[in-house]
């Protein structure tokens, strides 16, 4: 596939993630392309190093690694929680947030650690940020970049059972609910990843098809 061929003849894009929840969300959001997203694990691709301190640098590194190893176009997402009271942290370290406080890695532990660290704070504004990077090939000189950002407030306890990650504690004033209380289609349309995916879909349709 040449650099100018866009998505012609392409049936699969490798997703530089092994997160089942992320795959399901993005597969639904990219349905208009009629292209399957496949996880890098299903292609026996190991996870890439993420040494950078910004979402965009890590997403680009992951996309290049997955595309180089698979020979397919690649899509990578680097996302995280940015808490105002913590100066924007945990940011790129969100996935490993709980491990800083002696807990194992995992969504439930991350939520528990966050609520413990914010227990005495009244300023609870935070943002969930998603940065998507797409490459036609590993050395694509013009990667597509789309960012989605949703601001809300951290609740004092988990509310709702839908979604994953910090969804149960991210309260959205516009809805009066947490992400975990919203129906999946509503969440996908308004989440940080949903906003980034909508912008990425538009970019792909404009520049790759």
C-alpha atoms as a PDB file:
ATOM      1  CA  UNK A   1       0.000   0.000   0.000  1.00  0.00           C
ATOM      2  CA  UNK A   2       1.524   3.328  -1.039  1.00  0.00           C
ATOM      3  CA  UNK A   3       1.402   6.427   1.080  1.00  0.00           C
ATOM      4  CA  UNK A   4      -1.317   7.938  -1.146  1.00  0.00           C
ATOM      5  CA  UNK A   5      -3.564   4.928  -1.313  1.00  0.00           C
ATOM      6  CA  UNK A   6      -5.502   5.802   1.840  1.00  0.00           C
ATOM      7  CA  UNK A   7      -7.814   2.989   2.869  1.00  0.00           C
ATOM      8  CA  UNK A   8      -8.365   1.472  -0.564  1.00  0.00           C
ATOM      9  CA  UNK A   9      -8.244  -2.302  -0.308  1.00  0.00           C
ATOM     10  CA  UNK A  10      -7.763  -2.167   3.462  1.00  0.00           C
ATOM     11  CA  UNK A  11     -10.046  -4.397   5.548  1.00  0.00           C
ATOM     12  CA  UNK A  12      -8.272  -4.184   8.888  1.00  0.00           C
ATOM     13  CA  UNK A  13      -6.609  -1.580  11.064  1.00  0.00           C
ATOM     14  CA  UNK A  14      -4.517  -2.711  13.989  1.00  0.00           C
ATOM     15  CA  UNK A  15      -5.454  -1.103  17.287  1.00  0.00           C
ATOM     16  CA  UNK A  16      -2.379  -0.525  19.412  1.00  0.00           C
ATOM     17  CA  UNK A  17      -4.164  -1.641  22.568  1.00  0.00           C
ATOM     18  CA  UNK A  18      -5.286  -4.846  24.256  1.00  0.00           C
ATOM     19  CA  UNK A  19      -8.073  -3.155  26.226  1.00  0.00           C
ATOM     20  CA  UNK A  20     -11.352  -4.940  25.435  1.00  0.00           C
ATOM     21  CA  UNK A  21     -13.464  -1.986  26.505  1.00  0.00           C
ATOM     22  CA  UNK A  22     -11.506   0.395  24.322  1.00  0.00           C
ATOM     23  CA  UNK A  23     -11.750  -1.984  21.345  1.00  0.00           C
ATOM     24  CA  UNK A  24     -15.527  -2.290  21.683  1.00  0.00           C
ATOM     25  CA  UNK A  25     -15.985   1.485  21.926  1.00  0.00           C
ATOM     26  CA  UNK A  26     -13.765   2.279  18.967  1.00  0.00           C
ATOM     27  CA  UNK A  27     -15.133  -0.531  16.781  1.00  0.00           C
ATOM     28  CA  UNK A  28     -18.632   0.888  17.214  1.00  0.00           C
ATOM     29  CA  UNK A  29     -17.465   4.446  16.608  1.00  0.00           C
ATOM     30  CA  UNK A  30     -15.580   3.550  13.425  1.00  0.00           C
ATOM     31  CA  UNK A  31     -18.361   1.363  11.991  1.00  0.00           C
ATOM     32  CA  UNK A  32     -19.004   3.829   9.105  1.00  0.00           C
ATOM     33  CA  UNK A  33     -15.598   2.919   7.629  1.00  0.00           C
ATOM     34  CA  UNK A  34     -16.588  -0.761   7.246  1.00  0.00           C
ATOM     35  CA  UNK A  35     -13.143  -1.728   8.484  1.00  0.00           C
ATOM     36  CA  UNK A  36     -12.385  -4.123  11.323  1.00  0.00           C
ATOM     37  CA  UNK A  37     -10.220  -3.071  14.207  1.00  0.00           C
ATOM     38  CA  UNK A  38      -7.998  -5.884  15.466  1.00  0.00           C
ATOM     39  CA  UNK A  39      -6.013  -5.749  18.672  1.00  0.00           C
ATOM     40  CA  UNK A  40      -2.274  -5.989  18.505  1.00  0.00           C
ATOM     41  CA  UNK A  41      -2.396  -8.981  20.854  1.00  0.00           C
ATOM     42  CA  UNK A  42      -4.423 -10.944  18.292  1.00  0.00           C
ATOM     43  CA  UNK A  43      -1.505 -10.424  15.901  1.00  0.00           C
ATOM     44  CA  UNK A  44       1.066 -11.411  18.542  1.00  0.00           C
ATOM     45  CA  UNK A  45       2.418  -7.872  18.729  1.00  0.00           C
ATOM     46  CA  UNK A  46       3.920  -6.952  22.109  1.00  0.00           C
ATOM     47  CA  UNK A  47       3.019  -3.659  23.724  1.00  0.00           C
ATOM     48  CA  UNK A  48       5.184  -0.693  22.832  1.00  0.00           C
ATOM     49  CA  UNK A  49       7.217   1.293  25.325  1.00  0.00           C
ATOM     50  CA  UNK A  50       5.554   4.528  26.434  1.00  0.00           C
ATOM     51  CA  UNK A  51       8.429   6.647  27.752  1.00  0.00           C
ATOM     52  CA  UNK A  52       6.980  10.046  26.910  1.00  0.00           C
ATOM     53  CA  UNK A  53       5.221  12.591  29.113  1.00  0.00           C
ATOM     54  CA  UNK A  54       2.506  13.650  26.673  1.00  0.00           C
ATOM     55  CA  UNK A  55      -0.471  11.755  25.281  1.00  0.00           C
ATOM     56  CA  UNK A  56       0.351  12.556  21.666  1.00  0.00           C
ATOM     57  CA  UNK A  57       3.946  11.309  21.845  1.00  0.00           C
ATOM     58  CA  UNK A  58       2.917   8.023  23.433  1.00  0.00           C
ATOM     59  CA  UNK A  59       0.035   7.496  20.984  1.00  0.00           C
ATOM     60  CA  UNK A  60       2.363   8.092  18.048  1.00  0.00           C
ATOM     61  CA  UNK A  61       4.960   5.679  19.438  1.00  0.00           C
ATOM     62  CA  UNK A  62       2.319   2.987  19.917  1.00  0.00           C
ATOM     63  CA  UNK A  63       0.854   3.467  16.437  1.00  0.00           C
ATOM     64  CA  UNK A  64       4.261   3.301  14.755  1.00  0.00           C
ATOM     65  CA  UNK A  65       5.191   0.157  16.670  1.00  0.00           C
ATOM     66  CA  UNK A  66       1.941  -1.628  15.794  1.00  0.00           C
ATOM     67  CA  UNK A  67       2.079  -0.610  12.123  1.00  0.00           C
ATOM     68  CA  UNK A  68       5.744  -1.502  11.707  1.00  0.00           C
ATOM     69  CA  UNK A  69       5.234  -4.950  13.239  1.00  0.00           C
ATOM     70  CA  UNK A  70       1.966  -5.791  11.471  1.00  0.00           C
ATOM     71  CA  UNK A  71       2.376  -4.062   8.120  1.00  0.00           C
ATOM     72  CA  UNK A  72      -1.146  -2.673   8.565  1.00  0.00           C
ATOM     73  CA  UNK A  73      -2.488   0.834   9.083  1.00  0.00           C
ATOM     74  CA  UNK A  74      -2.598   1.519  12.807  1.00  0.00           C
ATOM     75  CA  UNK A  75      -4.709   3.409  15.289  1.00  0.00           C
ATOM     76  CA  UNK A  76      -3.481   4.227  18.779  1.00  0.00           C
ATOM     77  CA  UNK A  77      -5.127   5.946  21.691  1.00  0.00           C
ATOM     78  CA  UNK A  78      -3.401   7.415  24.685  1.00  0.00           C
ATOM     79  CA  UNK A  79      -5.843   8.629  27.252  1.00  0.00           C
ATOM     80  CA  UNK A  80      -5.913   9.592  30.856  1.00  0.00           C
ATOM     81  CA  UNK A  81      -7.361  11.528  33.710  1.00  0.00           C
ATOM     82  CA  UNK A  82      -6.108  15.042  34.383  1.00  0.00           C
ATOM     83  CA  UNK A  83      -7.087  16.303  37.839  1.00  0.00           C
ATOM     84  CA  UNK A  84      -6.955  20.061  38.391  1.00  0.00           C
ATOM     85  CA  UNK A  85      -5.941  19.778  42.036  1.00  0.00           C
ATOM     86  CA  UNK A  86      -3.021  17.528  41.063  1.00  0.00           C
ATOM     87  CA  UNK A  87      -1.667  19.889  38.402  1.00  0.00           C
ATOM     88  CA  UNK A  88      -3.019  17.729  35.581  1.00  0.00           C
ATOM     89  CA  UNK A  89      -1.803  14.414  36.954  1.00  0.00           C
ATOM     90  CA  UNK A  90      -1.992  11.450  36.716  1.00  0.00           C
ATOM     91  CA  UNK A  91      -2.069  12.181  32.964  1.00  0.00           C
ATOM     92  CA  UNK A  92      -0.013   9.676  30.998  1.00  0.00           C
ATOM     93  CA  UNK A  93       0.490   7.618  34.171  1.00  0.00           C
ATOM     94  CA  UNK A  94      -3.252   7.046  34.624  1.00  0.00           C
ATOM     95  CA  UNK A  95      -3.190   3.311  33.862  1.00  0.00           C
ATOM     96  CA  UNK A  96      -0.624   2.774  36.616  1.00  0.00           C
ATOM     97  CA  UNK A  97      -2.024   5.307  39.076  1.00  0.00           C
ATOM     98  CA  UNK A  98      -2.946   2.755  41.743  1.00  0.00           C
ATOM     99  CA  UNK A  99       0.539   1.261  41.798  1.00  0.00           C
ATOM    100  CA  UNK A 100       1.907   4.544  43.180  1.00  0.00           C
ATOM    101  CA  UNK A 101      -0.047   3.840  46.361  1.00  0.00           C
ATOM    102  CA  UNK A 102       0.686   0.153  46.830  1.00  0.00           C
ATOM    103  CA  UNK A 103      -2.298  -1.245  44.927  1.00  0.00           C
ATOM    104  CA  UNK A 104      -2.158  -3.611  41.953  1.00  0.00           C
ATOM    105  CA  UNK A 105      -2.761  -2.181  38.492  1.00  0.00           C
ATOM    106  CA  UNK A 106      -6.451  -2.133  37.534  1.00  0.00           C
ATOM    107  CA  UNK A 107      -9.508   0.059  37.089  1.00  0.00           C
ATOM    108  CA  UNK A 108     -11.066  -0.618  40.487  1.00  0.00           C
ATOM    109  CA  UNK A 109      -7.786   0.006  42.267  1.00  0.00           C
ATOM    110  CA  UNK A 110      -7.257   3.226  40.318  1.00  0.00           C
ATOM    111  CA  UNK A 111     -10.674   4.483  41.381  1.00  0.00           C
ATOM    112  CA  UNK A 112     -10.056   3.530  44.994  1.00  0.00           C
ATOM    113  CA  UNK A 113      -6.663   5.261  45.062  1.00  0.00           C
ATOM    114  CA  UNK A 114      -8.068   8.401  43.444  1.00  0.00           C
ATOM    115  CA  UNK A 115     -10.927   8.705  45.914  1.00  0.00           C
ATOM    116  CA  UNK A 116      -8.543   8.196  48.814  1.00  0.00           C
ATOM    117  CA  UNK A 117      -6.158  10.879  47.534  1.00  0.00           C
ATOM    118  CA  UNK A 118      -9.028  13.326  46.974  1.00  0.00           C
ATOM    119  CA  UNK A 119     -10.867  12.538  50.204  1.00  0.00           C
ATOM    120  CA  UNK A 120     -10.201  15.921  51.815  1.00  0.00           C
ATOM    121  CA  UNK A 121     -10.368  18.031  48.641  1.00  0.00           C
ATOM    122  CA  UNK A 122     -13.319  20.247  47.763  1.00  0.00           C
ATOM    123  CA  UNK A 123     -11.889  21.290  44.369  1.00  0.00           C
ATOM    124  CA  UNK A 124     -12.759  18.210  42.338  1.00  0.00           C
ATOM    125  CA  UNK A 125     -12.645  19.365  38.716  1.00  0.00           C
ATOM    126  CA  UNK A 126     -10.981  16.934  36.334  1.00  0.00           C
ATOM    127  CA  UNK A 127     -10.871  16.107  32.657  1.00  0.00           C
ATOM    128  CA  UNK A 128     -10.735  12.840  30.759  1.00  0.00           C
ATOM    129  CA  UNK A 129      -8.550  13.285  27.685  1.00  0.00           C
ATOM    130  CA  UNK A 130      -8.134  11.014  24.667  1.00  0.00           C
ATOM    131  CA  UNK A 131      -5.572  11.507  21.925  1.00  0.00           C
ATOM    132  CA  UNK A 132      -5.960   9.312  18.838  1.00  0.00           C
ATOM    133  CA  UNK A 133      -3.235   8.901  16.244  1.00  0.00           C
ATOM    134  CA  UNK A 134      -3.720   7.049  12.943  1.00  0.00           C
ATOM    135  CA  UNK A 135      -1.042   6.010  10.453  1.00  0.00           C
ATOM    136  CA  UNK A 136      -1.378   4.559   6.964  1.00  0.00           C
ATOM    137  CA  UNK A 137       1.991   2.904   7.502  1.00  0.00           C
ATOM    138  CA  UNK A 138       4.695   3.099  10.144  1.00  0.00           C
ATOM    139  CA  UNK A 139       6.648   5.830   8.341  1.00  0.00           C
ATOM    140  CA  UNK A 140       3.597   7.878   7.366  1.00  0.00           C
ATOM    141  CA  UNK A 141       4.869  11.482   7.287  1.00  0.00           C
ATOM    142  CA  UNK A 142       1.397  12.860   7.945  1.00  0.00           C
ATOM    143  CA  UNK A 143      -0.216  11.084  10.897  1.00  0.00           C
ATOM    144  CA  UNK A 144      -3.775  12.008  11.691  1.00  0.00           C
ATOM    145  CA  UNK A 145      -4.294  13.369  15.204  1.00  0.00           C
ATOM    146  CA  UNK A 146      -7.607  13.901  16.995  1.00  0.00           C
ATOM    147  CA  UNK A 147      -8.138  14.963  20.591  1.00  0.00           C
ATOM    148  CA  UNK A 148     -11.242  14.669  22.746  1.00  0.00           C
ATOM    149  CA  UNK A 149     -11.569  16.285  26.160  1.00  0.00           C
ATOM    150  CA  UNK A 150     -14.451  16.144  28.625  1.00  0.00           C
ATOM    151  CA  UNK A 151     -14.431  18.128  31.840  1.00  0.00           C
ATOM    152  CA  UNK A 152     -16.367  17.080  34.896  1.00  0.00           C
ATOM    153  CA  UNK A 153     -16.031  16.547  38.612  1.00  0.00           C
ATOM    154  CA  UNK A 154     -14.803  13.587  40.621  1.00  0.00           C
ATOM    155  CA  UNK A 155     -17.537  12.123  42.818  1.00  0.00           C
ATOM    156  CA  UNK A 156     -16.900  10.952  46.366  1.00  0.00           C
ATOM    157  CA  UNK A 157     -17.916   7.367  45.596  1.00  0.00           C
ATOM    158  CA  UNK A 158     -18.454   5.241  42.458  1.00  0.00           C
ATOM    159  CA  UNK A 159     -21.900   5.653  40.883  1.00  0.00           C
ATOM    160  CA  UNK A 160     -23.208   3.479  38.032  1.00  0.00           C
ATOM    161  CA  UNK A 161     -22.164   0.174  36.516  1.00  0.00           C
ATOM    162  CA  UNK A 162     -21.651   0.922  32.819  1.00  0.00           C
ATOM    163  CA  UNK A 163     -18.320   1.659  31.171  1.00  0.00           C
ATOM    164  CA  UNK A 164     -14.837   1.157  32.577  1.00  0.00           C
ATOM    165  CA  UNK A 165     -11.868   3.077  33.922  1.00  0.00           C
ATOM    166  CA  UNK A 166     -12.872   6.216  35.821  1.00  0.00           C
ATOM    167  CA  UNK A 167     -16.400   6.268  34.357  1.00  0.00           C
ATOM    168  CA  UNK A 168     -18.073   5.594  37.764  1.00  0.00           C
ATOM    169  CA  UNK A 169     -16.467   8.676  39.361  1.00  0.00           C
ATOM    170  CA  UNK A 170     -16.542  11.165  36.479  1.00  0.00           C
ATOM    171  CA  UNK A 171     -19.653  13.273  37.044  1.00  0.00           C
ATOM    172  CA  UNK A 172     -20.905  15.296  34.083  1.00  0.00           C
ATOM    173  CA  UNK A 173     -22.886  18.387  35.130  1.00  0.00           C
ATOM    174  CA  UNK A 174     -24.578  18.610  31.713  1.00  0.00           C
ATOM    175  CA  UNK A 175     -26.185  15.180  32.272  1.00  0.00           C
ATOM    176  CA  UNK A 176     -26.370  15.183  36.050  1.00  0.00           C
ATOM    177  CA  UNK A 177     -24.846  11.701  35.950  1.00  0.00           C
ATOM    178  CA  UNK A 178     -21.529   9.911  35.827  1.00  0.00           C
ATOM    179  CA  UNK A 179     -20.328   8.301  32.626  1.00  0.00           C
ATOM    180  CA  UNK A 180     -21.105   4.922  34.210  1.00  0.00           C
ATOM    181  CA  UNK A 181     -24.781   5.883  34.524  1.00  0.00           C
ATOM    182  CA  UNK A 182     -25.223   6.735  30.854  1.00  0.00           C
ATOM    183  CA  UNK A 183     -26.469   4.309  28.176  1.00  0.00           C
ATOM    184  CA  UNK A 184     -23.612   3.064  26.021  1.00  0.00           C
ATOM    185  CA  UNK A 185     -24.687   4.962  22.902  1.00  0.00           C
ATOM    186  CA  UNK A 186     -24.983   8.233  24.832  1.00  0.00           C
ATOM    187  CA  UNK A 187     -21.635   7.689  26.524  1.00  0.00           C
ATOM    188  CA  UNK A 188     -19.909   6.887  23.236  1.00  0.00           C
ATOM    189  CA  UNK A 189     -21.243  10.072  21.675  1.00  0.00           C
ATOM    190  CA  UNK A 190     -20.106  12.318  24.512  1.00  0.00           C
ATOM    191  CA  UNK A 191     -17.033  10.658  26.021  1.00  0.00           C
ATOM    192  CA  UNK A 192     -13.499  11.926  25.500  1.00  0.00           C
ATOM    193  CA  UNK A 193     -12.817   8.879  23.338  1.00  0.00           C
ATOM    194  CA  UNK A 194     -16.090   9.333  21.476  1.00  0.00           C
ATOM    195  CA  UNK A 195     -15.295  12.959  20.670  1.00  0.00           C
ATOM    196  CA  UNK A 196     -11.773  12.060  19.541  1.00  0.00           C
ATOM    197  CA  UNK A 197     -13.089   9.156  17.441  1.00  0.00           C
ATOM    198  CA  UNK A 198     -15.698  11.360  15.744  1.00  0.00           C
ATOM    199  CA  UNK A 199     -12.985  13.830  14.787  1.00  0.00           C
ATOM    200  CA  UNK A 200     -10.683  11.031  13.653  1.00  0.00           C
ATOM    201  CA  UNK A 201     -13.435   9.469  11.546  1.00  0.00           C
ATOM    202  CA  UNK A 202     -13.959  12.818   9.834  1.00  0.00           C
ATOM    203  CA  UNK A 203     -10.233  13.174   9.188  1.00  0.00           C
ATOM    204  CA  UNK A 204      -9.999   9.651   7.751  1.00  0.00           C
ATOM    205  CA  UNK A 205     -12.978  10.240   5.470  1.00  0.00           C
ATOM    206  CA  UNK A 206     -11.547  13.533   4.276  1.00  0.00           C
ATOM    207  CA  UNK A 207      -7.938  12.473   3.802  1.00  0.00           C
ATOM    208  CA  UNK A 208      -7.816   8.703   3.444  1.00  0.00           C
ATOM    209  CA  UNK A 209     -10.877   7.809   1.379  1.00  0.00           C
END
